PDB file of all heavy atoms in Angstrom:
ATOM      1  N   GLY A   1       0.764  -1.234   0.000  1.00  0.00           N
ATOM      2  CA  GLY A   1       0.000   0.000   0.000  1.00  0.00           C
ATOM      3  C   GLY A   1       0.794   1.282   0.000  1.00  0.00           C
ATOM      4  O   GLY A   1       0.248   2.355   0.301  1.00  0.00           O
ATOM      5  N   LYS A   2       2.064   1.222  -0.361  1.00  0.00           N
ATOM      6  CA  LYS A   2       2.864   2.446  -0.415  1.00  0.00           C
ATOM      7  C   LYS A   2       2.488   3.265  -1.643  1.00  0.00           C
ATOM      8  O   LYS A   2       2.226   2.712  -2.714  1.00  0.00           O
ATOM      9  CB  LYS A   2       4.353   2.120  -0.441  1.00  0.00           C
ATOM     10  CG  LYS A   2       4.880   1.529   0.849  1.00  0.00           C
ATOM     11  CD  LYS A   2       6.397   1.320   0.768  1.00  0.00           C
ATOM     12  CE  LYS A   2       6.945   0.757   2.070  1.00  0.00           C
ATOM     13  NZ  LYS A   2       8.407   0.542   2.007  1.00  0.00           N
ATOM     14  N   GLU A   3       2.473   4.578  -1.471  1.00  0.00           N
ATOM     15  CA  GLU A   3       2.260   5.466  -2.615  1.00  0.00           C
ATOM     16  C   GLU A   3       3.615   5.675  -3.277  1.00  0.00           C
ATOM     17  O   GLU A   3       4.439   6.460  -2.817  1.00  0.00           O
ATOM     18  CB  GLU A   3       1.661   6.795  -2.159  1.00  0.00           C
ATOM     19  CG  GLU A   3       0.242   6.663  -1.608  1.00  0.00           C
ATOM     20  CD  GLU A   3      -0.372   8.005  -1.275  1.00  0.00           C
ATOM     21  OE1 GLU A   3       0.270   9.039  -1.591  1.00  0.00           O
ATOM     22  OE2 GLU A   3      -1.469   8.026  -0.712  1.00  0.00           O
ATOM     23  N   ILE A   4       3.837   4.956  -4.336  1.00  0.00           N
ATOM     24  CA  ILE A   4       5.152   4.921  -4.961  1.00  0.00           C
ATOM     25  C   ILE A   4       5.024   5.104  -6.457  1.00  0.00           C
ATOM     26  O   ILE A   4       4.077   4.611  -7.080  1.00  0.00           O
ATOM     27  CB  ILE A   4       5.881   3.585  -4.638  1.00  0.00           C
ATOM     28  CG1 ILE A   4       7.361   3.661  -4.975  1.00  0.00           C
ATOM     29  CG2 ILE A   4       5.184   2.416  -5.281  1.00  0.00           C
ATOM     30  CD1 ILE A   4       8.168   4.386  -3.959  1.00  0.00           C
ATOM     31  N   SER A   5       5.948   5.838  -7.045  1.00  0.00           N
ATOM     32  CA  SER A   5       5.936   6.044  -8.496  1.00  0.00           C
ATOM     33  C   SER A   5       6.648   4.899  -9.201  1.00  0.00           C
ATOM     34  O   SER A   5       7.469   4.195  -8.607  1.00  0.00           O
ATOM     35  CB  SER A   5       6.631   7.368  -8.848  1.00  0.00           C
ATOM     36  OG  SER A   5       5.983   8.463  -8.235  1.00  0.00           O
ATOM     37  N   VAL A   6       6.328   4.716 -10.464  1.00  0.00           N
ATOM     38  CA  VAL A   6       7.039   3.734 -11.280  1.00  0.00           C
ATOM     39  C   VAL A   6       8.516   4.121 -11.320  1.00  0.00           C
ATOM     40  O   VAL A   6       8.848   5.313 -11.464  1.00  0.00           O
ATOM     41  CB  VAL A   6       6.456   3.698 -12.708  1.00  0.00           C
ATOM     42  CG1 VAL A   6       7.284   2.792 -13.617  1.00  0.00           C
ATOM     43  CG2 VAL A   6       5.017   3.227 -12.683  1.00  0.00           C
ATOM     44  N   PRO A   7       9.445   3.174 -11.157  1.00  0.00           N
ATOM     45  CA  PRO A   7      10.877   3.518 -11.211  1.00  0.00           C
ATOM     46  C   PRO A   7      11.229   4.290 -12.478  1.00  0.00           C
ATOM     47  O   PRO A   7      10.791   3.936 -13.582  1.00  0.00           O
ATOM     48  CB  PRO A   7      11.560   2.145 -11.187  1.00  0.00           C
ATOM     49  CG  PRO A   7      10.596   1.262 -10.464  1.00  0.00           C
ATOM     50  CD  PRO A   7       9.237   1.737 -10.877  1.00  0.00           C
ATOM     51  N   ASP A   8      12.014   5.342 -12.329  1.00  0.00           N
ATOM     52  CA  ASP A   8      12.386   6.202 -13.453  1.00  0.00           C
ATOM     53  C   ASP A   8      13.301   5.471 -14.441  1.00  0.00           C
ATOM     54  O   ASP A   8      14.191   4.719 -14.038  1.00  0.00           O
ATOM     55  CB  ASP A   8      13.108   7.446 -12.942  1.00  0.00           C
ATOM     56  CG  ASP A   8      12.192   8.391 -12.180  1.00  0.00           C
ATOM     57  OD1 ASP A   8      10.965   8.311 -12.375  1.00  0.00           O
ATOM     58  OD2 ASP A   8      12.712   9.195 -11.385  1.00  0.00           O
ATOM     59  N   ASN A   9      13.080   5.731 -15.734  1.00  0.00           N
ATOM     60  CA  ASN A   9      13.980   5.260 -16.796  1.00  0.00           C
ATOM     61  C   ASN A   9      14.189   3.749 -16.771  1.00  0.00           C
ATOM     62  O   ASN A   9      15.276   3.259 -17.065  1.00  0.00           O
ATOM     63  CB  ASN A   9      15.352   5.940 -16.674  1.00  0.00           C
ATOM     64  CG  ASN A   9      15.255   7.435 -16.497  1.00  0.00           C
ATOM     65  OD1 ASN A   9      14.537   8.106 -17.236  1.00  0.00           O
ATOM     66  ND2 ASN A   9      15.948   7.969 -15.508  1.00  0.00           N
ATOM     67  N   TYR A  10      13.157   3.012 -16.404  1.00  0.00           N
ATOM     68  CA  TYR A  10      13.308   1.574 -16.159  1.00  0.00           C
ATOM     69  C   TYR A  10      12.417   0.727 -17.073  1.00  0.00           C
ATOM     70  O   TYR A  10      12.913  -0.034 -17.891  1.00  0.00           O
ATOM     71  CB  TYR A  10      12.998   1.307 -14.687  1.00  0.00           C
ATOM     72  CG  TYR A  10      13.182  -0.119 -14.227  1.00  0.00           C
ATOM     73  CD1 TYR A  10      14.394  -0.791 -14.408  1.00  0.00           C
ATOM     74  CD2 TYR A  10      12.152  -0.788 -13.579  1.00  0.00           C
ATOM     75  CE1 TYR A  10      14.567  -2.097 -13.962  1.00  0.00           C
ATOM     76  CE2 TYR A  10      12.313  -2.088 -13.121  1.00  0.00           C
ATOM     77  CZ  TYR A  10      13.514  -2.741 -13.320  1.00  0.00           C
ATOM     78  OH  TYR A  10      13.678  -4.025 -12.881  1.00  0.00           O
ATOM     79  N   PHE A  11      11.103   0.860 -16.928  1.00  0.00           N
ATOM     80  CA  PHE A  11      10.191   0.134 -17.803  1.00  0.00           C
ATOM     81  C   PHE A  11      10.012   0.898 -19.114  1.00  0.00           C
ATOM     82  O   PHE A  11       9.797   2.114 -19.098  1.00  0.00           O
ATOM     83  CB  PHE A  11       8.809  -0.019 -17.155  1.00  0.00           C
ATOM     84  CG  PHE A  11       8.777  -0.838 -15.906  1.00  0.00           C
ATOM     85  CD1 PHE A  11       8.536  -0.239 -14.681  1.00  0.00           C
ATOM     86  CD2 PHE A  11       8.958  -2.211 -15.963  1.00  0.00           C
ATOM     87  CE1 PHE A  11       8.483  -1.006 -13.522  1.00  0.00           C
ATOM     88  CE2 PHE A  11       8.919  -2.983 -14.804  1.00  0.00           C
ATOM     89  CZ  PHE A  11       8.678  -2.372 -13.582  1.00  0.00           C
ATOM     90  N   PRO A  12      10.105   0.227 -20.262  1.00  0.00           N
ATOM     91  CA  PRO A  12       9.793   0.902 -21.528  1.00  0.00           C
ATOM     92  C   PRO A  12       8.397   1.514 -21.472  1.00  0.00           C
ATOM     93  O   PRO A  12       7.438   0.871 -21.016  1.00  0.00           O
ATOM     94  CB  PRO A  12       9.868  -0.237 -22.556  1.00  0.00           C
ATOM     95  CG  PRO A  12      10.834  -1.219 -21.961  1.00  0.00           C
ATOM     96  CD  PRO A  12      10.561  -1.165 -20.469  1.00  0.00           C
ATOM     97  N   GLU A  13       8.311   2.787 -21.854  1.00  0.00           N
ATOM     98  CA  GLU A  13       7.057   3.543 -21.855  1.00  0.00           C
ATOM     99  C   GLU A  13       6.466   3.680 -20.446  1.00  0.00           C
ATOM    100  O   GLU A  13       5.276   3.955 -20.276  1.00  0.00           O
ATOM    101  CB  GLU A  13       6.028   2.898 -22.796  1.00  0.00           C
ATOM    102  CG  GLU A  13       6.497   2.796 -24.234  1.00  0.00           C
ATOM    103  CD  GLU A  13       5.516   2.056 -25.131  1.00  0.00           C
ATOM    104  OE1 GLU A  13       4.525   1.497 -24.601  1.00  0.00           O
ATOM    105  OE2 GLU A  13       5.730   2.042 -26.347  1.00  0.00           O
ATOM    106  N   ASP A  14       7.297   3.486 -19.426  1.00  0.00           N
ATOM    107  CA  ASP A  14       6.853   3.563 -18.025  1.00  0.00           C
ATOM    108  C   ASP A  14       5.694   2.622 -17.731  1.00  0.00           C
ATOM    109  O   ASP A  14       4.887   2.866 -16.821  1.00  0.00           O
ATOM    110  CB  ASP A  14       6.463   4.996 -17.650  1.00  0.00           C
ATOM    111  CG  ASP A  14       7.670   5.891 -17.445  1.00  0.00           C
ATOM    112  OD1 ASP A  14       8.765   5.361 -17.157  1.00  0.00           O
ATOM    113  OD2 ASP A  14       7.523   7.121 -17.572  1.00  0.00           O
ATOM    114  N   ASN A  15       5.654   1.528 -18.458  1.00  0.00           N
ATOM    115  CA  ASN A  15       4.601   0.530 -18.298  1.00  0.00           C
ATOM    116  C   ASN A  15       5.184  -0.674 -17.563  1.00  0.00           C
ATOM    117  O   ASN A  15       6.047  -1.371 -18.095  1.00  0.00           O
ATOM    118  CB  ASN A  15       4.052   0.119 -19.670  1.00  0.00           C
ATOM    119  CG  ASN A  15       2.893  -0.858 -19.566  1.00  0.00           C
ATOM    120  OD1 ASN A  15       2.655  -1.460 -18.525  1.00  0.00           O
ATOM    121  ND2 ASN A  15       2.154  -1.002 -20.651  1.00  0.00           N
ATOM    122  N   SER A  16       4.712  -0.925 -16.349  1.00  0.00           N
ATOM    123  CA  SER A  16       5.283  -1.984 -15.530  1.00  0.00           C
ATOM    124  C   SER A  16       4.997  -3.378 -16.076  1.00  0.00           C
ATOM    125  O   SER A  16       5.533  -4.368 -15.559  1.00  0.00           O
ATOM    126  CB  SER A  16       4.768  -1.880 -14.090  1.00  0.00           C
ATOM    127  OG  SER A  16       3.362  -1.977 -14.046  1.00  0.00           O
ATOM    128  N   ASP A  17       4.170  -3.475 -17.115  1.00  0.00           N
ATOM    129  CA  ASP A  17       3.940  -4.770 -17.770  1.00  0.00           C
ATOM    130  C   ASP A  17       5.054  -5.099 -18.769  1.00  0.00           C
ATOM    131  O   ASP A  17       5.172  -6.244 -19.217  1.00  0.00           O
ATOM    132  CB  ASP A  17       2.595  -4.779 -18.504  1.00  0.00           C
ATOM    133  CG  ASP A  17       1.409  -4.749 -17.552  1.00  0.00           C
ATOM    134  OD1 ASP A  17       1.554  -5.283 -16.433  1.00  0.00           O
ATOM    135  OD2 ASP A  17       0.363  -4.183 -17.916  1.00  0.00           O
ATOM    136  N   ASN A  18       5.871  -4.102 -19.106  1.00  0.00           N
ATOM    137  CA  ASN A  18       6.949  -4.308 -20.061  1.00  0.00           C
ATOM    138  C   ASN A  18       8.212  -4.816 -19.351  1.00  0.00           C
ATOM    139  O   ASN A  18       8.428  -4.542 -18.172  1.00  0.00           O
ATOM    140  CB  ASN A  18       7.283  -3.005 -20.791  1.00  0.00           C
ATOM    141  CG  ASN A  18       6.167  -2.565 -21.731  1.00  0.00           C
ATOM    142  OD1 ASN A  18       5.415  -3.400 -22.242  1.00  0.00           O
ATOM    143  ND2 ASN A  18       6.054  -1.268 -21.955  1.00  0.00           N
ATOM    144  N   VAL A  19       9.033  -5.555 -20.100  1.00  0.00           N
ATOM    145  CA  VAL A  19      10.291  -6.059 -19.553  1.00  0.00           C
ATOM    146  C   VAL A  19      11.274  -4.894 -19.399  1.00  0.00           C
ATOM    147  O   VAL A  19      11.507  -4.144 -20.355  1.00  0.00           O
ATOM    148  CB  VAL A  19      10.903  -7.136 -20.476  1.00  0.00           C
ATOM    149  CG1 VAL A  19      12.260  -7.591 -19.945  1.00  0.00           C
ATOM    150  CG2 VAL A  19       9.950  -8.321 -20.605  1.00  0.00           C
ATOM    151  N   PRO A  20      11.855  -4.708 -18.210  1.00  0.00           N
ATOM    152  CA  PRO A  20      12.791  -3.595 -18.000  1.00  0.00           C
ATOM    153  C   PRO A  20      13.993  -3.688 -18.940  1.00  0.00           C
ATOM    154  O   PRO A  20      14.455  -4.776 -19.297  1.00  0.00           O
ATOM    155  CB  PRO A  20      13.230  -3.771 -16.542  1.00  0.00           C
ATOM    156  CG  PRO A  20      12.145  -4.578 -15.906  1.00  0.00           C
ATOM    157  CD  PRO A  20      11.633  -5.493 -16.977  1.00  0.00           C
ATOM    158  N   THR A  21      14.503  -2.519 -19.316  1.00  0.00           N
ATOM    159  CA  THR A  21      15.678  -2.450 -20.175  1.00  0.00           C
ATOM    160  C   THR A  21      16.948  -2.511 -19.317  1.00  0.00           C
ATOM    161  O   THR A  21      17.089  -1.773 -18.349  1.00  0.00           O
ATOM    162  CB  THR A  21      15.672  -1.146 -20.989  1.00  0.00           C
ATOM    163  OG1 THR A  21      14.468  -1.079 -21.759  1.00  0.00           O
ATOM    164  CG2 THR A  21      16.876  -1.081 -21.917  1.00  0.00           C
ATOM    165  N   MET A  22      17.877  -3.403 -19.679  1.00  0.00           N
ATOM    166  CA  MET A  22      19.138  -3.559 -18.937  1.00  0.00           C
ATOM    167  C   MET A  22      20.177  -2.610 -19.531  1.00  0.00           C
ATOM    168  O   MET A  22      20.570  -2.747 -20.694  1.00  0.00           O
ATOM    169  CB  MET A  22      19.617  -5.007 -19.047  1.00  0.00           C
ATOM    170  CG  MET A  22      20.845  -5.333 -18.219  1.00  0.00           C
ATOM    171  SD  MET A  22      20.424  -5.436 -16.474  1.00  0.00           S
ATOM    172  CE  MET A  22      21.959  -6.006 -15.772  1.00  0.00           C
ATOM    173  N   ARG A  23      20.650  -1.645 -18.720  1.00  0.00           N
ATOM    174  CA  ARG A  23      21.571  -0.632 -19.234  1.00  0.00           C
ATOM    175  C   ARG A  23      22.770  -0.402 -18.326  1.00  0.00           C
ATOM    176  O   ARG A  23      23.517   0.567 -18.530  1.00  0.00           O
ATOM    177  CB  ARG A  23      20.827   0.694 -19.437  1.00  0.00           C
ATOM    178  CG  ARG A  23      19.821   0.667 -20.572  1.00  0.00           C
ATOM    179  CD  ARG A  23      19.210   2.018 -20.782  1.00  0.00           C
ATOM    180  NE  ARG A  23      18.254   2.354 -19.722  1.00  0.00           N
ATOM    181  CZ  ARG A  23      17.690   3.551 -19.589  1.00  0.00           C
ATOM    182  NH1 ARG A  23      18.021   4.537 -20.406  1.00  0.00           N
ATOM    183  NH2 ARG A  23      16.809   3.769 -18.624  1.00  0.00           N
ATOM    184  N   TRP A  24      22.973  -1.267 -17.336  1.00  0.00           N
ATOM    185  CA  TRP A  24      24.055  -1.015 -16.388  1.00  0.00           C
ATOM    186  C   TRP A  24      25.001  -2.210 -16.226  1.00  0.00           C
ATOM    187  O   TRP A  24      25.905  -2.166 -15.399  1.00  0.00           O
ATOM    188  CB  TRP A  24      23.473  -0.642 -15.026  1.00  0.00           C
ATOM    189  CG  TRP A  24      22.629  -1.718 -14.387  1.00  0.00           C
ATOM    190  CD1 TRP A  24      23.044  -2.671 -13.501  1.00  0.00           C
ATOM    191  CD2 TRP A  24      21.231  -1.959 -14.598  1.00  0.00           C
ATOM    192  NE1 TRP A  24      21.998  -3.478 -13.143  1.00  0.00           N
ATOM    193  CE2 TRP A  24      20.867  -3.071 -13.802  1.00  0.00           C
ATOM    194  CE3 TRP A  24      20.247  -1.344 -15.380  1.00  0.00           C
ATOM    195  CZ2 TRP A  24      19.575  -3.573 -13.763  1.00  0.00           C
ATOM    196  CZ3 TRP A  24      18.954  -1.845 -15.343  1.00  0.00           C
ATOM    197  CH2 TRP A  24      18.621  -2.944 -14.546  1.00  0.00           C
ATOM    198  N   ASN A  25      24.822  -3.236 -17.018  1.00  0.00           N
ATOM    199  CA  ASN A  25      25.595  -4.459 -16.817  1.00  0.00           C
ATOM    200  C   ASN A  25      27.089  -4.245 -17.053  1.00  0.00           C
ATOM    201  O   ASN A  25      27.926  -4.755 -16.291  1.00  0.00           O
ATOM    202  CB  ASN A  25      25.073  -5.567 -17.737  1.00  0.00           C
ATOM    203  CG  ASN A  25      25.550  -6.931 -17.301  1.00  0.00           C
ATOM    204  OD1 ASN A  25      25.503  -7.266 -16.122  1.00  0.00           O
ATOM    205  ND2 ASN A  25      26.020  -7.728 -18.239  1.00  0.00           N
ATOM    206  N   LEU A  26      27.455  -3.501 -18.086  1.00  0.00           N
ATOM    207  CA  LEU A  26      28.870  -3.262 -18.378  1.00  0.00           C
ATOM    208  C   LEU A  26      29.523  -2.446 -17.265  1.00  0.00           C
ATOM    209  O   LEU A  26      30.634  -2.758 -16.823  1.00  0.00           O
ATOM    210  CB  LEU A  26      29.035  -2.555 -19.719  1.00  0.00           C
ATOM    211  CG  LEU A  26      30.481  -2.259 -20.145  1.00  0.00           C
ATOM    212  CD1 LEU A  26      31.303  -3.545 -20.209  1.00  0.00           C
ATOM    213  CD2 LEU A  26      30.503  -1.542 -21.496  1.00  0.00           C
ATOM    214  N   ALA A  27      28.835  -1.413 -16.793  1.00  0.00           N
ATOM    215  CA  ALA A  27      29.386  -0.607 -15.695  1.00  0.00           C
ATOM    216  C   ALA A  27      29.560  -1.452 -14.446  1.00  0.00           C
ATOM    217  O   ALA A  27      30.568  -1.340 -13.730  1.00  0.00           O
ATOM    218  CB  ALA A  27      28.469   0.586 -15.412  1.00  0.00           C
ATOM    219  N   ALA A  28      28.596  -2.322 -14.168  1.00  0.00           N
ATOM    220  CA  ALA A  28      28.678  -3.177 -12.981  1.00  0.00           C
ATOM    221  C   ALA A  28      29.861  -4.127 -13.068  1.00  0.00           C
ATOM    222  O   ALA A  28      30.640  -4.268 -12.119  1.00  0.00           O
ATOM    223  CB  ALA A  28      27.380  -3.966 -12.824  1.00  0.00           C
ATOM    224  N   ALA A  29      30.008  -4.783 -14.217  1.00  0.00           N
ATOM    225  CA  ALA A  29      31.112  -5.728 -14.390  1.00  0.00           C
ATOM    226  C   ALA A  29      32.457  -5.015 -14.250  1.00  0.00           C
ATOM    227  O   ALA A  29      33.397  -5.534 -13.622  1.00  0.00           O
ATOM    228  CB  ALA A  29      31.002  -6.412 -15.750  1.00  0.00           C
ATOM    229  N   THR A  30      32.561  -3.825 -14.820  1.00  0.00           N
ATOM    230  CA  THR A  30      33.809  -3.061 -14.754  1.00  0.00           C
ATOM    231  C   THR A  30      34.119  -2.654 -13.321  1.00  0.00           C
ATOM    232  O   THR A  30      35.263  -2.786 -12.850  1.00  0.00           O
ATOM    233  CB  THR A  30      33.717  -1.816 -15.644  1.00  0.00           C
ATOM    234  OG1 THR A  30      33.410  -2.210 -16.984  1.00  0.00           O
ATOM    235  CG2 THR A  30      35.021  -1.039 -15.643  1.00  0.00           C
ATOM    236  N   PHE A  31      33.111  -2.182 -12.605  1.00  0.00           N
ATOM    237  CA  PHE A  31      33.338  -1.697 -11.243  1.00  0.00           C
ATOM    238  C   PHE A  31      33.785  -2.817 -10.307  1.00  0.00           C
ATOM    239  O   PHE A  31      34.761  -2.671  -9.570  1.00  0.00           O
ATOM    240  CB  PHE A  31      32.069  -1.035 -10.703  1.00  0.00           C
ATOM    241  CG  PHE A  31      32.219  -0.549  -9.283  1.00  0.00           C
ATOM    242  CD1 PHE A  31      33.037   0.528  -8.987  1.00  0.00           C
ATOM    243  CD2 PHE A  31      31.546  -1.171  -8.246  1.00  0.00           C
ATOM    244  CE1 PHE A  31      33.190   0.978  -7.675  1.00  0.00           C
ATOM    245  CE2 PHE A  31      31.688  -0.738  -6.942  1.00  0.00           C
ATOM    246  CZ  PHE A  31      32.508   0.340  -6.655  1.00  0.00           C
ATOM    247  N   PHE A  32      33.082  -3.944 -10.324  1.00  0.00           N
ATOM    248  CA  PHE A  32      33.445  -5.033  -9.416  1.00  0.00           C
ATOM    249  C   PHE A  32      34.816  -5.614  -9.777  1.00  0.00           C
ATOM    250  O   PHE A  32      35.604  -5.966  -8.890  1.00  0.00           O
ATOM    251  CB  PHE A  32      32.369  -6.118  -9.429  1.00  0.00           C
ATOM    252  CG  PHE A  32      31.200  -5.813  -8.535  1.00  0.00           C
ATOM    253  CD1 PHE A  32      30.081  -5.154  -9.036  1.00  0.00           C
ATOM    254  CD2 PHE A  32      31.225  -6.151  -7.200  1.00  0.00           C
ATOM    255  CE1 PHE A  32      29.008  -4.853  -8.210  1.00  0.00           C
ATOM    256  CE2 PHE A  32      30.164  -5.856  -6.358  1.00  0.00           C
ATOM    257  CZ  PHE A  32      29.045  -5.203  -6.872  1.00  0.00           C
ATOM    258  N   SER A  33      35.115  -5.700 -11.076  1.00  0.00           N
ATOM    259  CA  SER A  33      36.437  -6.182 -11.484  1.00  0.00           C
ATOM    260  C   SER A  33      37.534  -5.230 -11.030  1.00  0.00           C
ATOM    261  O   SER A  33      38.597  -5.662 -10.564  1.00  0.00           O
ATOM    262  CB  SER A  33      36.493  -6.344 -13.012  1.00  0.00           C
ATOM    263  OG  SER A  33      35.662  -7.390 -13.434  1.00  0.00           O
ATOM    264  N   ASN A  34      37.281  -3.929 -11.154  1.00  0.00           N
ATOM    265  CA  ASN A  34      38.266  -2.942 -10.711  1.00  0.00           C
ATOM    266  C   ASN A  34      38.505  -3.033  -9.210  1.00  0.00           C
ATOM    267  O   ASN A  34      39.648  -2.929  -8.734  1.00  0.00           O
ATOM    268  CB  ASN A  34      37.804  -1.531 -11.073  1.00  0.00           C
ATOM    269  CG  ASN A  34      37.966  -1.222 -12.550  1.00  0.00           C
ATOM    270  OD1 ASN A  34      38.567  -1.998 -13.295  1.00  0.00           O
ATOM    271  ND2 ASN A  34      37.429  -0.092 -12.988  1.00  0.00           N
ATOM    272  N   TRP A  35      37.428  -3.201  -8.436  1.00  0.00           N
ATOM    273  CA  TRP A  35      37.597  -3.296  -6.984  1.00  0.00           C
ATOM    274  C   TRP A  35      38.449  -4.517  -6.627  1.00  0.00           C
ATOM    275  O   TRP A  35      39.415  -4.410  -5.858  1.00  0.00           O
ATOM    276  CB  TRP A  35      36.237  -3.372  -6.282  1.00  0.00           C
ATOM    277  CG  TRP A  35      36.375  -3.580  -4.803  1.00  0.00           C
ATOM    278  CD1 TRP A  35      36.907  -2.707  -3.891  1.00  0.00           C
ATOM    279  CD2 TRP A  35      36.015  -4.757  -4.053  1.00  0.00           C
ATOM    280  NE1 TRP A  35      36.895  -3.265  -2.621  1.00  0.00           N
ATOM    281  CE2 TRP A  35      36.348  -4.521  -2.691  1.00  0.00           C
ATOM    282  CE3 TRP A  35      35.435  -5.980  -4.405  1.00  0.00           C
ATOM    283  CZ2 TRP A  35      36.121  -5.463  -1.691  1.00  0.00           C
ATOM    284  CZ3 TRP A  35      35.202  -6.914  -3.409  1.00  0.00           C
ATOM    285  CH2 TRP A  35      35.547  -6.654  -2.070  1.00  0.00           C
ATOM    286  N   ILE A  36      38.107  -5.666  -7.196  1.00  0.00           N
ATOM    287  CA  ILE A  36      38.860  -6.888  -6.899  1.00  0.00           C
ATOM    288  C   ILE A  36      40.320  -6.744  -7.340  1.00  0.00           C
ATOM    289  O   ILE A  36      41.253  -7.124  -6.623  1.00  0.00           O
ATOM    290  CB  ILE A  36      38.224  -8.110  -7.579  1.00  0.00           C
ATOM    291  CG1 ILE A  36      36.971  -8.541  -6.804  1.00  0.00           C
ATOM    292  CG2 ILE A  36      39.198  -9.269  -7.680  1.00  0.00           C
ATOM    293  CD1 ILE A  36      37.268  -9.171  -5.444  1.00  0.00           C
ATOM    294  N   ASN A  37      40.541  -6.190  -8.516  1.00  0.00           N
ATOM    295  CA  ASN A  37      41.897  -6.134  -9.070  1.00  0.00           C
ATOM    296  C   ASN A  37      42.754  -5.062  -8.403  1.00  0.00           C
ATOM    297  O   ASN A  37      43.850  -5.341  -7.906  1.00  0.00           O
ATOM    298  CB  ASN A  37      41.839  -5.882 -10.574  1.00  0.00           C
ATOM    299  CG  ASN A  37      43.216  -5.918 -11.215  1.00  0.00           C
ATOM    300  OD1 ASN A  37      44.124  -6.587 -10.736  1.00  0.00           O
ATOM    301  ND2 ASN A  37      43.388  -5.196 -12.304  1.00  0.00           N
TER     302      ASN A  37
END
């Protein structure tokens, strides 16, 4: 029952029935590899 907005820049057309677009995987892989290395 929280009054919450649809996550920004996440669902195509801001429609929660759509599959979210993945746009951070490369940054994530780079960051964790950099920390470990």
